[in-house]
Protein backbone atom coordinates (compact mmCIF):
# COMPACT_ATOMS: atom_id res chain seq x y z
CA MET A 1 -0.37 0.12 -0.09
CA ASN A 2 1.27 3.47 -0.88
CA ARG A 3 0.93 5.67 1.89
CA ASN A 4 1.84 8.83 -0.31
CA GLU A 5 -0.84 7.69 -2.68
CA LEU A 6 -3.59 7.67 0.00
CA THR A 7 -2.85 10.98 1.58
CA LYS A 8 -2.87 13.29 -1.61
CA GLU A 9 -5.75 13.84 -4.28
CA ILE A 10 -5.40 11.99 -7.70
CA ALA A 11 -8.19 12.31 -9.70
CA VAL A 12 -7.66 15.98 -10.40
CA ARG A 13 -8.81 18.69 -13.31
CA GLN A 14 -5.42 19.54 -13.86
CA ASP A 15 -4.22 15.81 -15.64
CA TYR A 16 -8.06 15.70 -16.80
CA SER A 17 -7.83 15.39 -20.69
CA LYS A 18 -5.46 16.96 -23.40
CA GLY A 19 -5.34 21.30 -23.84
CA ILE A 20 -6.90 22.16 -20.43
CA LYS A 21 -7.27 25.51 -21.15
CA LYS A 22 -9.46 24.90 -24.70
CA LEU A 23 -11.46 22.83 -21.98
CA PHE A 24 -12.25 25.31 -19.32
CA GLY A 25 -10.99 28.85 -20.91
CA PHE A 26 -7.69 30.52 -21.41
CA TYR A 27 -7.83 31.66 -17.65
CA ASN A 28 -8.52 28.00 -16.37
CA THR A 29 -12.02 28.80 -14.60
CA LEU A 30 -14.55 26.43 -14.46
CA PRO A 31 -17.83 27.11 -16.76
CA ASP A 32 -20.66 27.00 -15.73
CA PRO A 33 -22.65 23.82 -16.48
CA ASP A 34 -26.09 25.19 -16.39
CA PRO A 35 -27.93 23.68 -19.25
CA ILE A 36 -30.15 26.97 -19.59
CA LEU A 37 -27.50 29.38 -19.39
CA SER A 38 -25.37 27.21 -22.07
CA LYS A 39 -28.07 27.03 -24.62
CA THR A 40 -29.39 30.89 -24.02
CA GLY A 41 -26.05 32.36 -24.09
CA LYS A 42 -27.05 34.66 -21.00
CA ALA A 43 -25.58 35.15 -17.47
CA PHE A 44 -28.19 35.31 -14.11
CA GLU A 45 -30.44 37.99 -15.68
CA THR A 46 -31.79 35.36 -17.20
CA TYR A 47 -32.99 33.64 -14.10
CA ARG A 48 -33.51 36.86 -12.06
CA GLU A 49 -36.15 38.30 -14.87
CA LEU A 50 -38.14 34.77 -14.14
CA THR A 51 -39.22 35.85 -10.99
CA SER A 52 -41.15 38.74 -12.53
CA ASP A 53 -43.72 35.55 -12.64
CA ALA A 54 -46.46 35.81 -10.14
CA HIS A 55 -46.47 32.73 -9.48
CA LEU A 56 -43.17 31.89 -8.82
CA TYR A 57 -42.48 34.96 -7.04
CA ALA A 58 -45.05 33.91 -4.42
CA ASN A 59 -43.92 30.48 -4.01
CA ILE A 60 -40.08 32.17 -3.24
CA GLN A 61 -41.94 34.39 -1.01
CA GLN A 62 -43.71 31.72 0.90
CA ARG A 63 -40.20 29.56 1.21
CA LYS A 64 -38.48 32.70 2.79
CA ALA A 65 -41.03 33.66 4.78
CA GLY A 66 -41.17 30.20 6.10
CA ILE A 67 -37.62 30.29 7.58
CA VAL A 68 -37.29 34.27 8.21
CA SER A 69 -40.14 34.27 10.61
CA LEU A 70 -38.79 31.79 13.01
CA GLU A 71 -37.81 32.45 16.35
CA ARG A 72 -33.86 32.91 16.26
CA GLU A 73 -31.13 33.86 18.56
CA VAL A 74 -27.06 34.63 18.61
CA VAL A 75 -25.97 32.70 22.03
CA PRO A 76 -22.30 34.18 23.55
CA ALA A 77 -19.86 31.41 23.23
CA SER A 78 -18.46 32.88 26.75
CA ASN A 79 -18.73 36.21 29.09
CA ASP A 80 -16.02 37.91 26.76
CA PRO A 81 -16.90 41.59 25.59
CA LEU A 82 -17.51 40.57 22.06
CA SER A 83 -18.98 37.62 22.59
CA LEU A 84 -21.81 39.53 24.76
CA TYR A 85 -22.04 42.59 22.37
CA ILE A 86 -22.39 40.37 19.09
CA ALA A 87 -25.71 39.31 19.22
CA GLY A 88 -27.33 42.36 20.13
CA TYR A 89 -24.77 44.22 17.29
CA LEU A 90 -26.30 41.85 14.77
CA GLU A 91 -29.73 42.36 15.43
CA ASN A 92 -30.12 46.27 16.04
CA GLU A 93 -26.97 47.18 13.64
CA LEU A 94 -27.81 44.99 11.09
CA ASP A 95 -30.56 43.15 9.10
CA PRO A 96 -30.93 39.99 10.02
CA ASP A 97 -34.05 39.50 8.19
CA ASN A 98 -32.77 40.54 5.18
CA ILE A 99 -29.15 38.93 5.69
CA ILE A 100 -31.15 35.46 5.50
CA SER A 101 -33.40 36.40 2.78
CA GLN A 102 -29.80 36.69 0.56
CA ILE A 103 -28.67 33.66 2.13
CA LEU A 104 -31.76 31.99 0.65
CA ASN A 105 -30.99 33.31 -2.93
CA ALA A 106 -28.81 30.27 -3.10
CA PRO A 107 -31.32 27.87 -3.15
CA LEU A 108 -32.66 29.66 -6.34
CA TYR A 109 -29.08 30.55 -8.04
CA GLY A 110 -26.93 27.76 -7.07
CA PHE A 111 -25.00 30.02 -4.82
CA THR A 112 -24.76 33.34 -3.87
CA VAL A 113 -22.08 35.92 -2.25
CA LEU A 114 -22.31 38.51 0.63
CA GLU A 115 -19.77 41.24 0.85
CA ILE A 116 -19.07 42.40 3.80
CA VAL A 117 -17.55 46.40 4.66
CA TRP A 118 -16.02 46.74 8.11
CA THR A 119 -16.10 49.58 10.79
CA GLN A 120 -14.53 49.98 13.72
CA VAL A 121 -16.33 49.95 16.89
CA ASN A 122 -14.60 51.22 20.20
CA LEU A 123 -15.81 48.98 23.28
CA ARG A 124 -15.17 49.78 26.82
CA SER A 125 -13.17 46.90 26.33
CA GLY A 126 -10.76 48.18 23.39
CA GLU A 127 -11.42 48.05 19.24
CA TYR A 128 -12.81 45.98 17.16
CA LEU A 129 -14.30 45.24 13.43
CA LEU A 130 -17.64 44.60 13.27
CA PRO A 131 -19.71 44.55 9.90
CA LEU A 132 -21.03 48.23 8.31
CA ARG A 133 -22.84 46.16 5.93
CA ILE A 134 -23.46 42.40 4.07
CA GLU A 135 -24.67 43.18 1.06
CA GLU A 136 -25.34 40.27 -1.79
CA LYS A 137 -23.65 40.96 -5.04
CA PRO A 138 -24.25 39.37 -8.57
CA GLN A 139 -23.53 36.04 -9.33
CA GLU A 140 -22.26 36.71 -12.84
CA TRP A 141 -19.48 38.74 -11.56
CA PHE A 142 -18.27 35.69 -9.69
CA THR A 143 -16.62 32.34 -11.43
CA PHE A 144 -14.33 29.40 -9.98
CA SER A 145 -11.52 28.14 -10.27
CA LEU A 146 -9.94 24.58 -11.16
CA ASN A 147 -9.78 24.00 -7.60
CA ASN A 148 -13.05 25.40 -6.88
CA GLU A 149 -11.86 28.43 -5.29
CA LEU A 150 -14.56 31.51 -5.68
CA LEU A 151 -12.50 34.47 -7.94
CA TYR A 152 -13.93 37.76 -8.65
CA ARG A 153 -14.24 38.83 -12.04
CA GLY A 154 -13.89 42.54 -11.74
CA GLU A 155 -12.24 44.83 -14.24
CA SER A 156 -9.66 43.14 -15.47
CA ASP A 157 -9.26 40.48 -17.53
CA GLN A 158 -8.21 37.64 -15.71
CA PRO A 159 -10.50 36.66 -12.64
CA ARG A 160 -8.52 36.62 -9.41
CA PRO A 161 -9.04 35.12 -6.16
CA VAL A 162 -11.39 37.10 -3.43
CA PRO A 163 -9.33 38.96 -0.44
CA PRO A 164 -9.91 37.44 2.47
CA ASN A 165 -12.34 38.56 5.42
CA LYS A 166 -14.54 39.74 2.61
CA PHE A 167 -16.55 37.30 0.93
CA ILE A 168 -19.30 34.83 2.43
CA LEU A 169 -19.62 32.10 -0.11
CA ILE A 170 -23.28 30.28 0.11
CA GLN A 171 -23.43 27.15 -1.91
CA ASN A 172 -26.88 25.02 -2.74
CA ASN A 173 -25.56 21.46 -2.92
CA ALA A 174 -22.28 22.09 -4.43
CA THR A 175 -20.02 19.30 -6.11
CA TYR A 176 -16.95 18.95 -7.41
CA MET A 177 -18.01 18.82 -10.55
CA ASN A 178 -20.45 21.80 -10.05
CA PRO A 179 -19.02 24.40 -7.68
CA TYR A 180 -21.76 26.72 -9.10
CA GLY A 181 -24.43 24.79 -7.06
CA GLU A 182 -28.11 23.66 -7.61
CA LYS A 183 -30.43 26.42 -9.16
CA ALA A 184 -33.95 25.61 -8.73
CA LEU A 185 -34.99 28.49 -11.21
CA SER A 186 -33.04 26.43 -13.55
CA ARG A 187 -35.94 23.93 -13.86
CA CYS A 188 -38.59 26.91 -13.57
CA TYR A 189 -37.37 28.70 -16.55
CA TYR A 190 -39.57 26.49 -19.46
CA PRO A 191 -42.34 26.27 -17.25
CA VAL A 192 -42.12 30.07 -16.81
CA VAL A 193 -41.27 31.06 -20.71
CA PHE A 194 -44.49 27.96 -21.79
CA LYS A 195 -46.66 29.58 -19.77
CA ARG A 196 -46.03 33.42 -20.78
CA ASN A 197 -46.33 32.23 -24.42
CA GLY A 198 -49.83 30.18 -23.27
CA LEU A 199 -50.93 33.20 -21.73
CA ASP A 200 -50.18 35.38 -24.77
CA TYR A 201 -52.64 32.74 -26.75
CA TRP A 202 -54.91 33.11 -24.07
CA VAL A 203 -55.36 36.83 -24.29
CA SER A 204 -55.52 36.98 -28.02
CA PHE A 205 -58.24 33.83 -27.97
CA THR A 206 -60.12 35.95 -25.40
CA GLU A 207 -59.92 39.41 -27.64
CA LYS A 208 -60.81 37.24 -30.78
CA TYR A 209 -63.93 34.90 -29.21
CA GLY A 210 -64.66 36.91 -25.92
CA MET A 211 -66.92 39.08 -27.48
CA PRO A 212 -69.74 37.92 -30.10
CA PHE A 213 -69.71 38.18 -33.92
CA ILE A 214 -71.61 40.41 -35.49
CA VAL A 215 -72.45 39.28 -39.26
CA GLY A 216 -74.16 41.45 -41.50
CA LYS A 217 -76.11 39.83 -44.42
CA GLN A 218 -77.04 41.29 -47.55
CA PRO A 219 -78.78 40.52 -51.08
CA ARG A 220 -76.31 38.90 -53.63
CA THR A 221 -77.02 42.23 -55.63
CA THR A 222 -75.65 44.34 -53.07
CA THR A 223 -72.87 46.66 -54.46
CA ASP A 224 -69.46 46.97 -53.23
CA GLU A 225 -70.37 50.69 -51.75
CA GLU A 226 -73.14 49.31 -49.97
CA ALA A 227 -71.15 46.45 -48.49
CA ASP A 228 -68.85 48.61 -47.29
CA ASN A 229 -71.08 51.27 -45.74
CA LEU A 230 -72.73 48.07 -43.60
CA LEU A 231 -69.12 46.87 -42.39
CA THR A 232 -69.05 50.32 -40.68
CA ILE A 233 -72.15 50.07 -38.98
CA LEU A 234 -70.78 46.58 -37.90
CA GLN A 235 -67.76 47.72 -36.43
CA ASP A 236 -69.38 51.00 -34.86
CA MET A 237 -71.71 48.98 -33.42
CA PRO A 238 -69.64 47.81 -30.35
CA LEU A 239 -69.16 51.23 -29.39
CA ASN A 240 -72.37 52.91 -30.11
CA ASN A 241 -74.35 50.02 -29.66
CA VAL A 242 -76.92 50.86 -32.19
CA ALA A 243 -77.36 50.65 -35.91
CA VAL A 244 -79.38 51.75 -38.60
CA ILE A 245 -79.19 49.35 -41.57
CA PRO A 246 -80.80 49.59 -44.72
CA ASP A 247 -84.69 47.10 -44.65
CA ASP A 248 -83.25 44.35 -46.98
CA SER A 249 -80.33 43.59 -44.91
CA SER A 250 -79.83 41.59 -41.57
CA ILE A 251 -77.87 41.27 -38.68
CA GLU A 252 -76.62 38.10 -36.86
CA ILE A 253 -74.57 37.68 -33.76
CA ILE A 254 -72.91 34.62 -33.38
CA SER A 255 -71.42 33.46 -29.99
CA PHE A 256 -68.31 30.99 -29.48
CA PRO A 257 -69.38 28.30 -27.08
CA SER A 258 -67.49 27.96 -24.19
CA GLY A 259 -66.06 24.48 -23.04
CA ALA A 260 -62.93 22.88 -23.88
CA SER A 261 -61.30 24.98 -26.07
CA ILE A 262 -60.83 27.72 -23.28
CA ASP A 263 -60.14 24.74 -20.64
CA ALA A 264 -57.00 23.60 -23.17
CA TYR A 265 -55.39 26.60 -21.83
CA ARG A 266 -56.55 27.10 -18.06
CA THR A 267 -55.36 23.50 -17.85
CA PHE A 268 -52.52 24.21 -19.50
CA LEU A 269 -51.34 26.95 -17.23
CA GLU A 270 -52.18 25.12 -14.50
CA PHE A 271 -49.56 22.57 -14.92
CA MET A 272 -46.80 24.87 -15.50
CA ASN A 273 -47.56 26.46 -12.43
CA SER A 274 -47.77 23.08 -10.98
CA GLU A 275 -44.15 22.78 -11.86
CA ILE A 276 -42.81 25.79 -10.66
CA SER A 277 -44.20 24.79 -7.22
CA LYS A 278 -42.63 21.96 -7.14
CA ALA A 279 -38.98 23.24 -8.24
CA VAL A 280 -39.26 25.96 -5.58
CA LEU A 281 -41.38 24.51 -2.90
CA THR A 282 -40.82 20.74 -3.83
CA GLN A 283 -44.70 20.45 -3.67
CA THR A 284 -47.92 22.00 -4.46
CA LEU A 285 -50.83 21.77 -2.20
CA THR A 286 -49.79 24.88 0.01
CA THR A 287 -50.19 27.20 -3.56
CA GLU A 288 -52.95 25.32 -5.49
CA ILE A 289 -56.15 24.07 -4.55
CA LEU A 290 -57.27 21.56 -6.74
CA SER A 291 -59.80 19.11 -6.52
CA ARG A 292 -58.24 16.10 -6.53
CA GLY A 293 -56.32 16.94 -3.35
CA SER A 294 -56.92 14.22 -0.27
CA TYR A 295 -56.04 14.21 2.89
CA ALA A 296 -52.65 11.70 2.21
CA ALA A 297 -51.40 14.04 -0.46
CA THR A 298 -52.23 17.28 2.05
CA LYS A 299 -50.26 15.15 4.88
CA THR A 300 -47.26 14.36 2.07
CA HIS A 301 -46.82 17.34 0.94
CA LYS A 302 -46.63 18.65 4.36
CA GLU A 303 -44.06 16.79 4.90
CA MET A 304 -41.61 17.51 2.23
CA LEU A 305 -41.99 21.30 2.77
CA SER A 306 -41.23 20.80 6.44
CA LEU A 307 -37.83 18.74 5.14
CA LEU A 308 -37.06 21.52 2.83
CA THR A 309 -37.62 23.99 5.80
CA LYS A 310 -34.87 22.04 7.96
CA ASN A 311 -32.94 22.33 4.73
CA ASP A 312 -33.07 25.74 4.47
CA MET A 313 -32.47 26.72 8.10
CA LYS A 314 -29.47 24.64 8.47
CA LEU A 315 -28.34 26.90 5.15
CA VAL A 316 -29.34 29.72 6.94
CA GLU A 317 -27.56 28.69 10.27
CA LYS A 318 -24.18 27.68 8.60
CA GLY A 319 -24.12 31.29 6.38
CA MET A 320 -24.75 33.09 9.99
CA ASN A 321 -22.06 31.17 11.65
CA LYS A 322 -19.59 32.12 8.47
CA ILE A 323 -20.41 35.82 9.09
CA ILE A 324 -19.65 35.25 13.14
CA ASN A 325 -16.76 32.77 12.26
CA MET A 326 -14.94 35.77 10.10
CA ILE A 327 -15.67 38.57 12.95
CA SER A 328 -14.14 36.04 15.47
CA LYS A 329 -10.89 35.42 13.44
CA LEU A 330 -10.73 39.21 12.19
CA ASN A 331 -10.45 40.64 15.75
CA GLY A 332 -8.07 37.76 16.99
CA TYR A 333 -10.31 34.54 18.50
CA GLU A 334 -8.99 31.48 17.81
CA LYS A 335 -13.24 30.11 18.44
CA ALA A 336 -16.11 31.99 17.65
CA VAL A 337 -17.30 33.76 19.67
CA ALA A 338 -20.98 33.18 19.67
CA GLU A 339 -23.24 30.95 17.70
CA PHE A 340 -26.55 31.51 15.52
CA LYS A 341 -29.34 28.87 15.81
CA PHE A 342 -32.95 28.65 15.46
CA VAL A 343 -34.78 28.59 18.59
CA ASN A 344 -35.81 24.55 18.52
CA SER A 345 -34.41 24.06 15.33
CA ASN A 346 -33.77 20.25 16.15
């Protein structure tokens, strides 16, 4: 048994295939393997634009609200002045609801990056560096190296490693092959696009068939001028509600029958909404009321939503404690001065 092989990583990208620069780009950065972004040739604004859909937005807000509304606490690690001060500082000087909401963008976009702007705070025990602002930055400003390290694109041509103690990286189910993480919005792309196209067709259908057709009938001997005059009268009827026509002409109102044709659009849109709900919430019954629902299905969906909530809670706890750990490290503490956690999260 070769101990040297056991203690080092052998399967690395740098050894894979020929022409690694051709495969991963001139600067040896990893491309995002997301299939939607690859096909559209766009960046993350593609997914941000999707959130203008009302149903998708409602799903996102429901998922975030379920976490932001939970009771939470910051537990001091000791009686050290910074440990005792940090809990009140995070709650009063920063906006924890907003920070948690930004952390929860990671499941939607695969990852999120928070930048910390520091300020000096004077306490009786001394001077400390604490966050002045914690802000989410656009995902397209960042990429990953062949070693899965976060790089900042910036104004320079070559992406560079992010400086220490400045950025908090939150990833959703990231792997060695995909450090960009899994994106729930990637699963929503086609349902939202198809839904919008379906709405356009439905609007056109309603405009065309929502109002009855007015058909004018005239003798075969009618001249073109007389026919044009009757057509003008018919076009004015919806506005004026009255018309005067020759006694040898007639008007017939034809209503388009309601039924399967209209229901087809509604069924199509409901299906797309269902796909969106499953992508964001893993279930549908909390955002849709369907006649085919049952107690067993409702119970199953509730359990799935509960599991999703627990996963989001762990993600938020991990992210908030990364911030606390960075505060501790920057101020010379070997261990975290406090711990963020949700109350009764176990």
